[in-house]
PDB file of N, CA and C in Angstrom:
ATOM      1  N   UNK A   1      31.627  16.979 100.711  1.00  0.00           N
ATOM      2  CA  UNK A   1      31.962  16.531  99.372  1.00  0.00           C
ATOM      3  C   UNK A   1      33.110  15.534  99.454  1.00  0.00           C
ATOM      4  N   UNK A   2      32.933  14.401  98.837  1.00  0.00           N
ATOM      5  CA  UNK A   2      33.935  13.351  98.860  1.00  0.00           C
ATOM      6  C   UNK A   2      35.085  13.688  97.921  1.00  0.00           C
ATOM      7  N   UNK A   3      36.307  13.508  98.397  1.00  0.00           N
ATOM      8  CA  UNK A   3      37.498  13.815  97.601  1.00  0.00           C
ATOM      9  C   UNK A   3      37.918  12.669  96.699  1.00  0.00           C
ATOM     10  N   UNK A   4      37.381  11.483  96.892  1.00  0.00           N
ATOM     11  CA  UNK A   4      37.742  10.359  96.045  1.00  0.00           C
ATOM     12  C   UNK A   4      38.867   9.497  96.567  1.00  0.00           C
ATOM     13  N   UNK A   5      39.226   9.670  97.813  1.00  0.00           N
ATOM     14  CA  UNK A   5      40.276   8.838  98.388  1.00  0.00           C
ATOM     15  C   UNK A   5      39.740   7.433  98.657  1.00  0.00           C
ATOM     16  N   UNK A   6      40.663   6.476  98.789  1.00  0.00           N
ATOM     17  CA  UNK A   6      40.311   5.084  99.070  1.00  0.00           C
ATOM     18  C   UNK A   6      40.982   4.662 100.367  1.00  0.00           C
ATOM     19  N   UNK A   7      40.198   3.999 101.223  1.00  0.00           N
ATOM     20  CA  UNK A   7      40.714   3.497 102.498  1.00  0.00           C
ATOM     21  C   UNK A   7      40.508   1.985 102.563  1.00  0.00           C
ATOM     22  N   UNK A   8      41.377   1.340 103.320  1.00  0.00           N
ATOM     23  CA  UNK A   8      41.258  -0.096 103.572  1.00  0.00           C
ATOM     24  C   UNK A   8      41.379  -0.300 105.077  1.00  0.00           C
ATOM     25  N   UNK A   9      40.393  -1.015 105.645  1.00  0.00           N
ATOM     26  CA  UNK A   9      40.381  -1.304 107.080  1.00  0.00           C
ATOM     27  C   UNK A   9      40.478  -2.813 107.266  1.00  0.00           C
ATOM     28  N   UNK A  10      41.361  -3.258 108.150  1.00  0.00           N
ATOM     29  CA  UNK A  10      41.448  -4.688 108.428  1.00  0.00           C
ATOM     30  C   UNK A  10      42.739  -5.074 109.114  1.00  0.00           C
ATOM     31  N   UNK A  11      43.029  -6.349 109.069  1.00  0.00           N
ATOM     32  CA  UNK A  11      44.205  -6.892 109.729  1.00  0.00           C
ATOM     33  C   UNK A  11      45.477  -6.348 109.083  1.00  0.00           C
ATOM     34  N   UNK A  12      46.458  -6.078 109.910  1.00  0.00           N
ATOM     35  CA  UNK A  12      47.693  -5.438 109.468  1.00  0.00           C
ATOM     36  C   UNK A  12      48.360  -6.165 108.299  1.00  0.00           C
ATOM     37  N   UNK A  13      48.441  -7.483 108.358  1.00  0.00           N
ATOM     38  CA  UNK A  13      49.143  -8.227 107.312  1.00  0.00           C
ATOM     39  C   UNK A  13      48.441  -8.130 105.962  1.00  0.00           C
ATOM     40  N   UNK A  14      47.160  -7.828 105.955  1.00  0.00           N
ATOM     41  CA  UNK A  14      46.421  -7.712 104.695  1.00  0.00           C
ATOM     42  C   UNK A  14      46.441  -6.281 104.178  1.00  0.00           C
ATOM     43  N   UNK A  15      46.147  -5.317 105.033  1.00  0.00           N
ATOM     44  CA  UNK A  15      46.018  -3.936 104.561  1.00  0.00           C
ATOM     45  C   UNK A  15      47.353  -3.269 104.252  1.00  0.00           C
ATOM     46  N   UNK A  16      48.436  -3.773 104.796  1.00  0.00           N
ATOM     47  CA  UNK A  16      49.748  -3.178 104.539  1.00  0.00           C
ATOM     48  C   UNK A  16      50.080  -3.150 103.054  1.00  0.00           C
ATOM     49  N   UNK A  17      49.713  -4.176 102.332  1.00  0.00           N
ATOM     50  CA  UNK A  17      49.982  -4.218 100.887  1.00  0.00           C
ATOM     51  C   UNK A  17      49.278  -3.080 100.160  1.00  0.00           C
ATOM     52  N   UNK A  18      48.126  -2.669 100.641  1.00  0.00           N
ATOM     53  CA  UNK A  18      47.371  -1.602  99.987  1.00  0.00           C
ATOM     54  C   UNK A  18      48.009  -0.231 100.202  1.00  0.00           C
ATOM     55  N   UNK A  19      48.743  -0.087 101.281  1.00  0.00           N
ATOM     56  CA  UNK A  19      49.453   1.170 101.538  1.00  0.00           C
ATOM     57  C   UNK A  19      50.498   1.403 100.445  1.00  0.00           C
ATOM     58  N   UNK A  20      51.114   0.335  99.983  1.00  0.00           N
ATOM     59  CA  UNK A  20      52.147   0.442  98.952  1.00  0.00           C
ATOM     60  C   UNK A  20      51.613   0.990  97.628  1.00  0.00           C
ATOM     61  N   UNK A  21      50.306   0.826  97.390  1.00  0.00           N
ATOM     62  CA  UNK A  21      49.742   1.346  96.141  1.00  0.00           C
ATOM     63  C   UNK A  21      48.984   2.653  96.354  1.00  0.00           C
ATOM     64  N   UNK A  22      49.158   3.246  97.529  1.00  0.00           N
ATOM     65  CA  UNK A  22      48.639   4.577  97.763  1.00  0.00           C
ATOM     66  C   UNK A  22      47.327   4.705  98.496  1.00  0.00           C
ATOM     67  N   UNK A  23      46.757   3.600  98.953  1.00  0.00           N
ATOM     68  CA  UNK A  23      45.516   3.678  99.722  1.00  0.00           C
ATOM     69  C   UNK A  23      45.839   4.037 101.167  1.00  0.00           C
ATOM     70  N   UNK A  24      44.906   4.706 101.823  1.00  0.00           N
ATOM     71  CA  UNK A  24      45.047   4.957 103.256  1.00  0.00           C
ATOM     72  C   UNK A  24      44.632   3.690 103.985  1.00  0.00           C
ATOM     73  N   UNK A  25      45.434   3.259 104.937  1.00  0.00           N
ATOM     74  CA  UNK A  25      45.159   2.005 105.628  1.00  0.00           C
ATOM     75  C   UNK A  25      44.942   2.225 107.120  1.00  0.00           C
ATOM     76  N   UNK A  26      44.059   1.404 107.666  1.00  0.00           N
ATOM     77  CA  UNK A  26      43.715   1.479 109.085  1.00  0.00           C
ATOM     78  C   UNK A  26      43.647   0.058 109.623  1.00  0.00           C
ATOM     79  N   UNK A  27      44.370  -0.181 110.709  1.00  0.00           N
ATOM     80  CA  UNK A  27      44.447  -1.521 111.267  1.00  0.00           C
ATOM     81  C   UNK A  27      43.321  -1.767 112.258  1.00  0.00           C
ATOM     82  N   UNK A  28      42.628  -2.889 112.068  1.00  0.00           N
ATOM     83  CA  UNK A  28      41.557  -3.297 112.987  1.00  0.00           C
ATOM     84  C   UNK A  28      41.387  -4.799 112.863  1.00  0.00           C
ATOM     85  N   UNK A  29      41.177  -5.451 113.993  1.00  0.00           N
ATOM     86  CA  UNK A  29      41.001  -6.901 113.947  1.00  0.00           C
ATOM     87  C   UNK A  29      39.688  -7.362 114.565  1.00  0.00           C
ATOM     88  N   UNK A  30      38.789  -6.403 114.839  1.00  0.00           N
ATOM     89  CA  UNK A  30      37.475  -6.788 115.334  1.00  0.00           C
ATOM     90  C   UNK A  30      36.445  -5.743 114.912  1.00  0.00           C
ATOM     91  N   UNK A  31      35.187  -6.099 115.059  1.00  0.00           N
ATOM     92  CA  UNK A  31      34.102  -5.243 114.586  1.00  0.00           C
ATOM     93  C   UNK A  31      34.010  -3.930 115.356  1.00  0.00           C
ATOM     94  N   UNK A  32      34.302  -3.949 116.645  1.00  0.00           N
ATOM     95  CA  UNK A  32      34.204  -2.730 117.452  1.00  0.00           C
ATOM     96  C   UNK A  32      35.198  -1.666 116.979  1.00  0.00           C
ATOM     97  N   UNK A  33      36.440  -2.063 116.824  1.00  0.00           N
ATOM     98  CA  UNK A  33      37.475  -1.130 116.359  1.00  0.00           C
ATOM     99  C   UNK A  33      37.156  -0.675 114.932  1.00  0.00           C
ATOM    100  N   UNK A  34      36.734  -1.605 114.091  1.00  0.00           N
ATOM    101  CA  UNK A  34      36.406  -1.281 112.709  1.00  0.00           C
ATOM    102  C   UNK A  34      35.259  -0.275 112.648  1.00  0.00           C
ATOM    103  N   UNK A  35      34.242  -0.464 113.465  1.00  0.00           N
ATOM    104  CA  UNK A  35      33.100   0.457 113.490  1.00  0.00           C
ATOM    105  C   UNK A  35      33.542   1.860 113.887  1.00  0.00           C
ATOM    106  N   UNK A  36      34.412   1.967 114.876  1.00  0.00           N
ATOM    107  CA  UNK A  36      34.922   3.283 115.292  1.00  0.00           C
ATOM    108  C   UNK A  36      35.684   3.962 114.157  1.00  0.00           C
ATOM    109  N   UNK A  37      36.556   3.207 113.508  1.00  0.00           N
ATOM    110  CA  UNK A  37      37.325   3.761 112.386  1.00  0.00           C
ATOM    111  C   UNK A  37      36.382   4.176 111.265  1.00  0.00           C
ATOM    112  N   UNK A  38      35.450   3.304 110.933  1.00  0.00           N
ATOM    113  CA  UNK A  38      34.501   3.577 109.855  1.00  0.00           C
ATOM    114  C   UNK A  38      33.679   4.830 110.154  1.00  0.00           C
ATOM    115  N   UNK A  39      33.211   4.957 111.363  1.00  0.00           N
ATOM    116  CA  UNK A  39      32.434   6.139 111.771  1.00  0.00           C
ATOM    117  C   UNK A  39      33.243   7.418 111.547  1.00  0.00           C
ATOM    118  N   UNK A  40      34.510   7.405 111.939  1.00  0.00           N
ATOM    119  CA  UNK A  40      35.369   8.583 111.757  1.00  0.00           C
ATOM    120  C   UNK A  40      35.617   8.879 110.278  1.00  0.00           C
ATOM    121  N   UNK A  41      35.820   7.852 109.488  1.00  0.00           N
ATOM    122  CA  UNK A  41      36.071   8.061 108.058  1.00  0.00           C
ATOM    123  C   UNK A  41      34.840   8.628 107.362  1.00  0.00           C
ATOM    124  N   UNK A  42      33.666   8.150 107.742  1.00  0.00           N
ATOM    125  CA  UNK A  42      32.428   8.660 107.150  1.00  0.00           C
ATOM    126  C   UNK A  42      32.239  10.132 107.535  1.00  0.00           C
ATOM    127  N   UNK A  43      32.539  10.474 108.780  1.00  0.00           N
ATOM    128  CA  UNK A  43      32.435  11.866 109.232  1.00  0.00           C
ATOM    129  C   UNK A  43      33.370  12.780 108.456  1.00  0.00           C
ATOM    130  N   UNK A  44      34.583  12.299 108.174  1.00  0.00           N
ATOM    131  CA  UNK A  44      35.569  13.094 107.434  1.00  0.00           C
ATOM    132  C   UNK A  44      35.056  13.461 106.047  1.00  0.00           C
ATOM    133  N   UNK A  45      34.281  12.550 105.456  1.00  0.00           N
ATOM    134  CA  UNK A  45      33.702  12.764 104.135  1.00  0.00           C
ATOM    135  C   UNK A  45      34.755  13.012 103.049  1.00  0.00           C
ATOM    136  N   UNK A  46      35.886  12.319 103.153  1.00  0.00           N
ATOM    137  CA  UNK A  46      36.924  12.452 102.137  1.00  0.00           C
ATOM    138  C   UNK A  46      37.164  11.151 101.369  1.00  0.00           C
ATOM    139  N   UNK A  47      36.459  10.100 101.741  1.00  0.00           N
ATOM    140  CA  UNK A  47      36.667   8.803 101.105  1.00  0.00           C
ATOM    141  C   UNK A  47      35.495   8.430 100.211  1.00  0.00           C
ATOM    142  N   UNK A  48      35.810   8.062  98.970  1.00  0.00           N
ATOM    143  CA  UNK A  48      34.778   7.609  98.041  1.00  0.00           C
ATOM    144  C   UNK A  48      34.524   6.122  98.227  1.00  0.00           C
ATOM    145  N   UNK A  49      35.589   5.370  98.517  1.00  0.00           N
ATOM    146  CA  UNK A  49      35.488   3.921  98.681  1.00  0.00           C
ATOM    147  C   UNK A  49      36.248   3.508  99.934  1.00  0.00           C
ATOM    148  N   UNK A  50      35.608   2.632 100.713  1.00  0.00           N
ATOM    149  CA  UNK A  50      36.256   2.064 101.895  1.00  0.00           C
ATOM    150  C   UNK A  50      36.127   0.545 101.803  1.00  0.00           C
ATOM    151  N   UNK A  51      37.258  -0.126 101.719  1.00  0.00           N
ATOM    152  CA  UNK A  51      37.292  -1.585 101.739  1.00  0.00           C
ATOM    153  C   UNK A  51      37.469  -2.039 103.183  1.00  0.00           C
ATOM    154  N   UNK A  52      36.742  -3.093 103.565  1.00  0.00           N
ATOM    155  CA  UNK A  52      36.879  -3.684 104.891  1.00  0.00           C
ATOM    156  C   UNK A  52      37.075  -5.184 104.707  1.00  0.00           C
ATOM    157  N   UNK A  53      38.094  -5.741 105.335  1.00  0.00           N
ATOM    158  CA  UNK A  53      38.325  -7.174 105.186  1.00  0.00           C
ATOM    159  C   UNK A  53      37.087  -7.939 105.639  1.00  0.00           C
ATOM    160  N   UNK A  54      36.744  -8.980 104.876  1.00  0.00           N
ATOM    161  CA  UNK A  54      35.454  -9.644 105.075  1.00  0.00           C
ATOM    162  C   UNK A  54      35.295 -10.334 106.422  1.00  0.00           C
ATOM    163  N   UNK A  55      36.376 -10.726 107.053  1.00  0.00           N
ATOM    164  CA  UNK A  55      36.219 -11.369 108.359  1.00  0.00           C
ATOM    165  C   UNK A  55      35.651 -10.399 109.394  1.00  0.00           C
ATOM    166  N   UNK A  56      36.045  -9.119 109.334  1.00  0.00           N
ATOM    167  CA  UNK A  56      35.464  -8.130 110.248  1.00  0.00           C
ATOM    168  C   UNK A  56      34.141  -7.608 109.694  1.00  0.00           C
ATOM    169  N   UNK A  57      34.060  -7.435 108.392  1.00  0.00           N
ATOM    170  CA  UNK A  57      32.819  -6.937 107.774  1.00  0.00           C
ATOM    171  C   UNK A  57      31.643  -7.863 108.070  1.00  0.00           C
ATOM    172  N   UNK A  58      31.893  -9.157 108.090  1.00  0.00           N
ATOM    173  CA  UNK A  58      30.806 -10.109 108.333  1.00  0.00           C
ATOM    174  C   UNK A  58      30.246  -9.989 109.755  1.00  0.00           C
ATOM    175  N   UNK A  59      31.013  -9.396 110.663  1.00  0.00           N
ATOM    176  CA  UNK A  59      30.559  -9.196 112.046  1.00  0.00           C
ATOM    177  C   UNK A  59      29.763  -7.906 112.218  1.00  0.00           C
ATOM    178  N   UNK A  60      29.681  -7.094 111.166  1.00  0.00           N
ATOM    179  CA  UNK A  60      29.016  -5.795 111.276  1.00  0.00           C
ATOM    180  C   UNK A  60      28.091  -5.529 110.098  1.00  0.00           C
ATOM    181  N   UNK A  61      27.377  -6.572 109.692  1.00  0.00           N
ATOM    182  CA  UNK A  61      26.517  -6.465 108.515  1.00  0.00           C
ATOM    183  C   UNK A  61      25.410  -5.420 108.684  1.00  0.00           C
ATOM    184  N   UNK A  62      24.894  -5.227 109.907  1.00  0.00           N
ATOM    185  CA  UNK A  62      23.854  -4.212 110.131  1.00  0.00           C
ATOM    186  C   UNK A  62      24.376  -2.807 109.822  1.00  0.00           C
ATOM    187  N   UNK A  63      25.568  -2.517 110.289  1.00  0.00           N
ATOM    188  CA  UNK A  63      26.181  -1.212 110.027  1.00  0.00           C
ATOM    189  C   UNK A  63      26.407  -1.013 108.534  1.00  0.00           C
ATOM    190  N   UNK A  64      26.874  -2.053 107.859  1.00  0.00           N
ATOM    191  CA  UNK A  64      27.141  -1.942 106.420  1.00  0.00           C
ATOM    192  C   UNK A  64      25.856  -1.759 105.628  1.00  0.00           C
ATOM    193  N   UNK A  65      24.779  -2.376 106.064  1.00  0.00           N
ATOM    194  CA  UNK A  65      23.483  -2.194 105.390  1.00  0.00           C
ATOM    195  C   UNK A  65      23.020  -0.751 105.496  1.00  0.00           C
ATOM    196  N   UNK A  66      23.228  -0.130 106.638  1.00  0.00           N
ATOM    197  CA  UNK A  66      22.861   1.274 106.818  1.00  0.00           C
ATOM    198  C   UNK A  66      23.661   2.150 105.853  1.00  0.00           C
ATOM    199  N   UNK A  67      24.956   1.864 105.727  1.00  0.00           N
ATOM    200  CA  UNK A  67      25.798   2.669 104.841  1.00  0.00           C
ATOM    201  C   UNK A  67      25.440   2.484 103.365  1.00  0.00           C
ATOM    202  N   UNK A  68      24.867   1.337 103.011  1.00  0.00           N
ATOM    203  CA  UNK A  68      24.478   1.101 101.615  1.00  0.00           C
ATOM    204  C   UNK A  68      23.377   2.054 101.155  1.00  0.00           C
ATOM    205  N   UNK A  69      22.646   2.628 102.091  1.00  0.00           N
ATOM    206  CA  UNK A  69      21.583   3.556 101.717  1.00  0.00           C
ATOM    207  C   UNK A  69      22.147   4.934 101.341  1.00  0.00           C
ATOM    208  N   UNK A  70      23.415   5.153 101.596  1.00  0.00           N
ATOM    209  CA  UNK A  70      24.063   6.424 101.276  1.00  0.00           C
ATOM    210  C   UNK A  70      24.798   6.309  99.941  1.00  0.00           C
ATOM    211  N   UNK A  71      24.957   7.427  99.271  1.00  0.00           N
ATOM    212  CA  UNK A  71      25.701   7.428  98.009  1.00  0.00           C
ATOM    213  C   UNK A  71      27.196   7.210  98.236  1.00  0.00           C
ATOM    214  N   UNK A  72      27.724   7.875  99.257  1.00  0.00           N
ATOM    215  CA  UNK A  72      29.143   7.779  99.562  1.00  0.00           C
ATOM    216  C   UNK A  72      29.319   7.703 101.062  1.00  0.00           C
ATOM    217  N   UNK A  73      30.317   7.042 101.513  1.00  0.00           N
ATOM    218  CA  UNK A  73      31.282   6.260 100.753  1.00  0.00           C
ATOM    219  C   UNK A  73      30.700   4.904 100.363  1.00  0.00           C
ATOM    220  N   UNK A  74      31.273   4.330  99.340  1.00  0.00           N
ATOM    221  CA  UNK A  74      30.920   2.962  98.965  1.00  0.00           C
ATOM    222  C   UNK A  74      31.772   2.053  99.849  1.00  0.00           C
ATOM    223  N   UNK A  75      31.128   1.164 100.580  1.00  0.00           N
ATOM    224  CA  UNK A  75      31.843   0.260 101.482  1.00  0.00           C
ATOM    225  C   UNK A  75      31.776  -1.147 100.899  1.00  0.00           C
ATOM    226  N   UNK A  76      32.958  -1.743 100.695  1.00  0.00           N
ATOM    227  CA  UNK A  76      33.050  -3.033 100.013  1.00  0.00           C
ATOM    228  C   UNK A  76      33.817  -4.026 100.879  1.00  0.00           C
ATOM    229  N   UNK A  77      33.217  -5.191 101.165  1.00  0.00           N
ATOM    230  CA  UNK A  77      33.973  -6.241 101.863  1.00  0.00           C
ATOM    231  C   UNK A  77      35.089  -6.762 100.954  1.00  0.00           C
ATOM    232  N   UNK A  78      36.240  -6.976 101.523  1.00  0.00           N
ATOM    233  CA  UNK A  78      37.424  -7.404 100.789  1.00  0.00           C
ATOM    234  C   UNK A  78      37.783  -8.828 101.196  1.00  0.00           C
ATOM    235  N   UNK A  79      37.810  -9.764 100.239  1.00  0.00           N
ATOM    236  CA  UNK A  79      38.188 -11.143 100.598  1.00  0.00           C
ATOM    237  C   UNK A  79      39.572 -11.188 101.239  1.00  0.00           C
ATOM    238  N   UNK A  80      39.734 -12.123 102.156  1.00  0.00           N
ATOM    239  CA  UNK A  80      40.997 -12.260 102.876  1.00  0.00           C
ATOM    240  C   UNK A  80      41.709 -13.534 102.447  1.00  0.00           C
ATOM    241  N   UNK A  81      42.795 -13.854 103.146  1.00  0.00           N
ATOM    242  CA  UNK A  81      43.555 -15.061 102.820  1.00  0.00           C
ATOM    243  C   UNK A  81      42.733 -16.326 103.029  1.00  0.00           C
ATOM    244  N   UNK A  82      41.815 -16.288 103.983  1.00  0.00           N
ATOM    245  CA  UNK A  82      40.898 -17.401 104.209  1.00  0.00           C
ATOM    246  C   UNK A  82      39.471 -16.875 104.091  1.00  0.00           C
ATOM    247  N   UNK A  83      38.978 -16.726 102.851  1.00  0.00           N
ATOM    248  CA  UNK A  83      37.663 -16.120 102.645  1.00  0.00           C
ATOM    249  C   UNK A  83      36.548 -16.905 103.323  1.00  0.00           C
ATOM    250  N   UNK A  84      35.560 -16.173 103.854  1.00  0.00           N
ATOM    251  CA  UNK A  84      34.425 -16.829 104.496  1.00  0.00           C
ATOM    252  C   UNK A  84      33.170 -16.755 103.628  1.00  0.00           C
ATOM    253  N   UNK A  85      33.281 -16.153 102.444  1.00  0.00           N
ATOM    254  CA  UNK A  85      32.152 -16.080 101.528  1.00  0.00           C
ATOM    255  C   UNK A  85      31.300 -14.839 101.669  1.00  0.00           C
ATOM    256  N   UNK A  86      31.506 -14.065 102.721  1.00  0.00           N
ATOM    257  CA  UNK A  86      30.689 -12.885 102.966  1.00  0.00           C
ATOM    258  C   UNK A  86      30.855 -11.839 101.851  1.00  0.00           C
ATOM    259  N   UNK A  87      32.087 -11.602 101.453  1.00  0.00           N
ATOM    260  CA  UNK A  87      32.359 -10.607 100.418  1.00  0.00           C
ATOM    261  C   UNK A  87      31.683 -10.942  99.102  1.00  0.00           C
ATOM    262  N   UNK A  88      31.794 -12.184  98.669  1.00  0.00           N
ATOM    263  CA  UNK A  88      31.160 -12.597  97.412  1.00  0.00           C
ATOM    264  C   UNK A  88      29.643 -12.546  97.511  1.00  0.00           C
ATOM    265  N   UNK A  89      29.097 -12.885  98.655  1.00  0.00           N
ATOM    266  CA  UNK A  89      27.645 -12.823  98.846  1.00  0.00           C
ATOM    267  C   UNK A  89      27.151 -11.381  98.735  1.00  0.00           C
ATOM    268  N   UNK A  90      27.909 -10.443  99.296  1.00  0.00           N
ATOM    269  CA  UNK A  90      27.535  -9.022  99.202  1.00  0.00           C
ATOM    270  C   UNK A  90      27.576  -8.545  97.756  1.00  0.00           C
ATOM    271  N   UNK A  91      28.616  -8.929  97.033  1.00  0.00           N
ATOM    272  CA  UNK A  91      28.727  -8.544  95.622  1.00  0.00           C
ATOM    273  C   UNK A  91      27.567  -9.127  94.829  1.00  0.00           C
ATOM    274  N   UNK A  92      27.244 -10.382  95.084  1.00  0.00           N
ATOM    275  CA  UNK A  92      26.127 -11.038  94.388  1.00  0.00           C
ATOM    276  C   UNK A  92      24.822 -10.277  94.625  1.00  0.00           C
ATOM    277  N   UNK A  93      24.542  -9.923  95.869  1.00  0.00           N
ATOM    278  CA  UNK A  93      23.313  -9.189  96.197  1.00  0.00           C
ATOM    279  C   UNK A  93      23.279  -7.829  95.513  1.00  0.00           C
ATOM    280  N   UNK A  94      24.413  -7.135  95.511  1.00  0.00           N
ATOM    281  CA  UNK A  94      24.460  -5.813  94.893  1.00  0.00           C
ATOM    282  C   UNK A  94      24.239  -5.880  93.386  1.00  0.00           C
ATOM    283  N   UNK A  95      24.820  -6.885  92.735  1.00  0.00           N
ATOM    284  CA  UNK A  95      24.637  -7.040  91.288  1.00  0.00           C
ATOM    285  C   UNK A  95      23.192  -7.385  90.981  1.00  0.00           C
ATOM    286  N   UNK A  96      22.613  -8.300  91.750  1.00  0.00           N
ATOM    287  CA  UNK A  96      21.201  -8.656  91.554  1.00  0.00           C
ATOM    288  C   UNK A  96      20.304  -7.441  91.731  1.00  0.00           C
ATOM    289  N   UNK A  97      20.588  -6.629  92.738  1.00  0.00           N
ATOM    290  CA  UNK A  97      19.783  -5.444  92.996  1.00  0.00           C
ATOM    291  C   UNK A  97      19.922  -4.445  91.842  1.00  0.00           C
ATOM    292  N   UNK A  98      21.113  -4.303  91.316  1.00  0.00           N
ATOM    293  CA  UNK A  98      21.368  -3.320  90.268  1.00  0.00           C
ATOM    294  C   UNK A  98      20.742  -3.708  88.931  1.00  0.00           C
ATOM    295  N   UNK A  99      20.812  -4.998  88.574  1.00  0.00           N
ATOM    296  CA  UNK A  99      20.332  -5.371  87.243  1.00  0.00           C
ATOM    297  C   UNK A  99      19.148  -6.333  87.256  1.00  0.00           C
ATOM    298  N   UNK A 100      18.788  -6.829  88.428  1.00  0.00           N
ATOM    299  CA  UNK A 100      17.591  -7.655  88.537  1.00  0.00           C
ATOM    300  C   UNK A 100      17.794  -9.149  88.366  1.00  0.00           C
ATOM    301  N   UNK A 101      18.980  -9.579  88.013  1.00  0.00           N
ATOM    302  CA  UNK A 101      19.262 -11.009  87.868  1.00  0.00           C
ATOM    303  C   UNK A 101      20.639 -11.354  88.386  1.00  0.00           C
ATOM    304  N   UNK A 102      20.796 -12.622  88.699  1.00  0.00           N
ATOM    305  CA  UNK A 102      22.087 -13.127  89.172  1.00  0.00           C
ATOM    306  C   UNK A 102      22.912 -13.534  87.961  1.00  0.00           C
ATOM    307  N   UNK A 103      23.787 -12.651  87.492  1.00  0.00           N
ATOM    308  CA  UNK A 103      24.629 -12.985  86.338  1.00  0.00           C
ATOM    309  C   UNK A 103      25.957 -13.595  86.756  1.00  0.00           C
ATOM    310  N   UNK A 104      26.284 -13.502  88.044  1.00  0.00           N
ATOM    311  CA  UNK A 104      27.564 -14.003  88.511  1.00  0.00           C
ATOM    312  C   UNK A 104      27.570 -15.496  88.834  1.00  0.00           C
ATOM    313  N   UNK A 105      26.484 -15.972  89.394  1.00  0.00           N
ATOM    314  CA  UNK A 105      26.481 -17.343  89.893  1.00  0.00           C
ATOM    315  C   UNK A 105      25.415 -18.229  89.268  1.00  0.00           C
ATOM    316  N   UNK A 106      24.631 -17.680  88.358  1.00  0.00           N
ATOM    317  CA  UNK A 106      23.589 -18.450  87.698  1.00  0.00           C
ATOM    318  C   UNK A 106      24.228 -19.432  86.719  1.00  0.00           C
ATOM    319  N   UNK A 107      24.015 -20.693  86.918  1.00  0.00           N
ATOM    320  CA  UNK A 107      24.668 -21.721  86.103  1.00  0.00           C
ATOM    321  C   UNK A 107      23.788 -22.173  84.928  1.00  0.00           C
ATOM    322  N   UNK A 108      22.612 -21.579  84.759  1.00  0.00           N
ATOM    323  CA  UNK A 108      21.713 -21.992  83.675  1.00  0.00           C
ATOM    324  C   UNK A 108      22.155 -21.453  82.335  1.00  0.00           C
TER     325      UNK A 108
END
């Protein structure tokens, strides 16, 4: 049973700010380390939401797709100081899947 905690995984300079607002933070700067941390957090089953900085998340899209089939935890790519577009693309796909249309980027 998920307790509703929130975790943030990523580069130290980005995730440190989230610690100040009460999120659990985990430092990782590559997909391998992030995958190990993510695997442990999922096993713990205490996190409802896990944010991962998009630069590392974009390197592990297969793993994130597998986690999307589960109810919890919700794993969300988090834009960084130099966004690569991966996070917004994931949000766009999720919104389209949920409601059937692109309401975020449709310019018509």
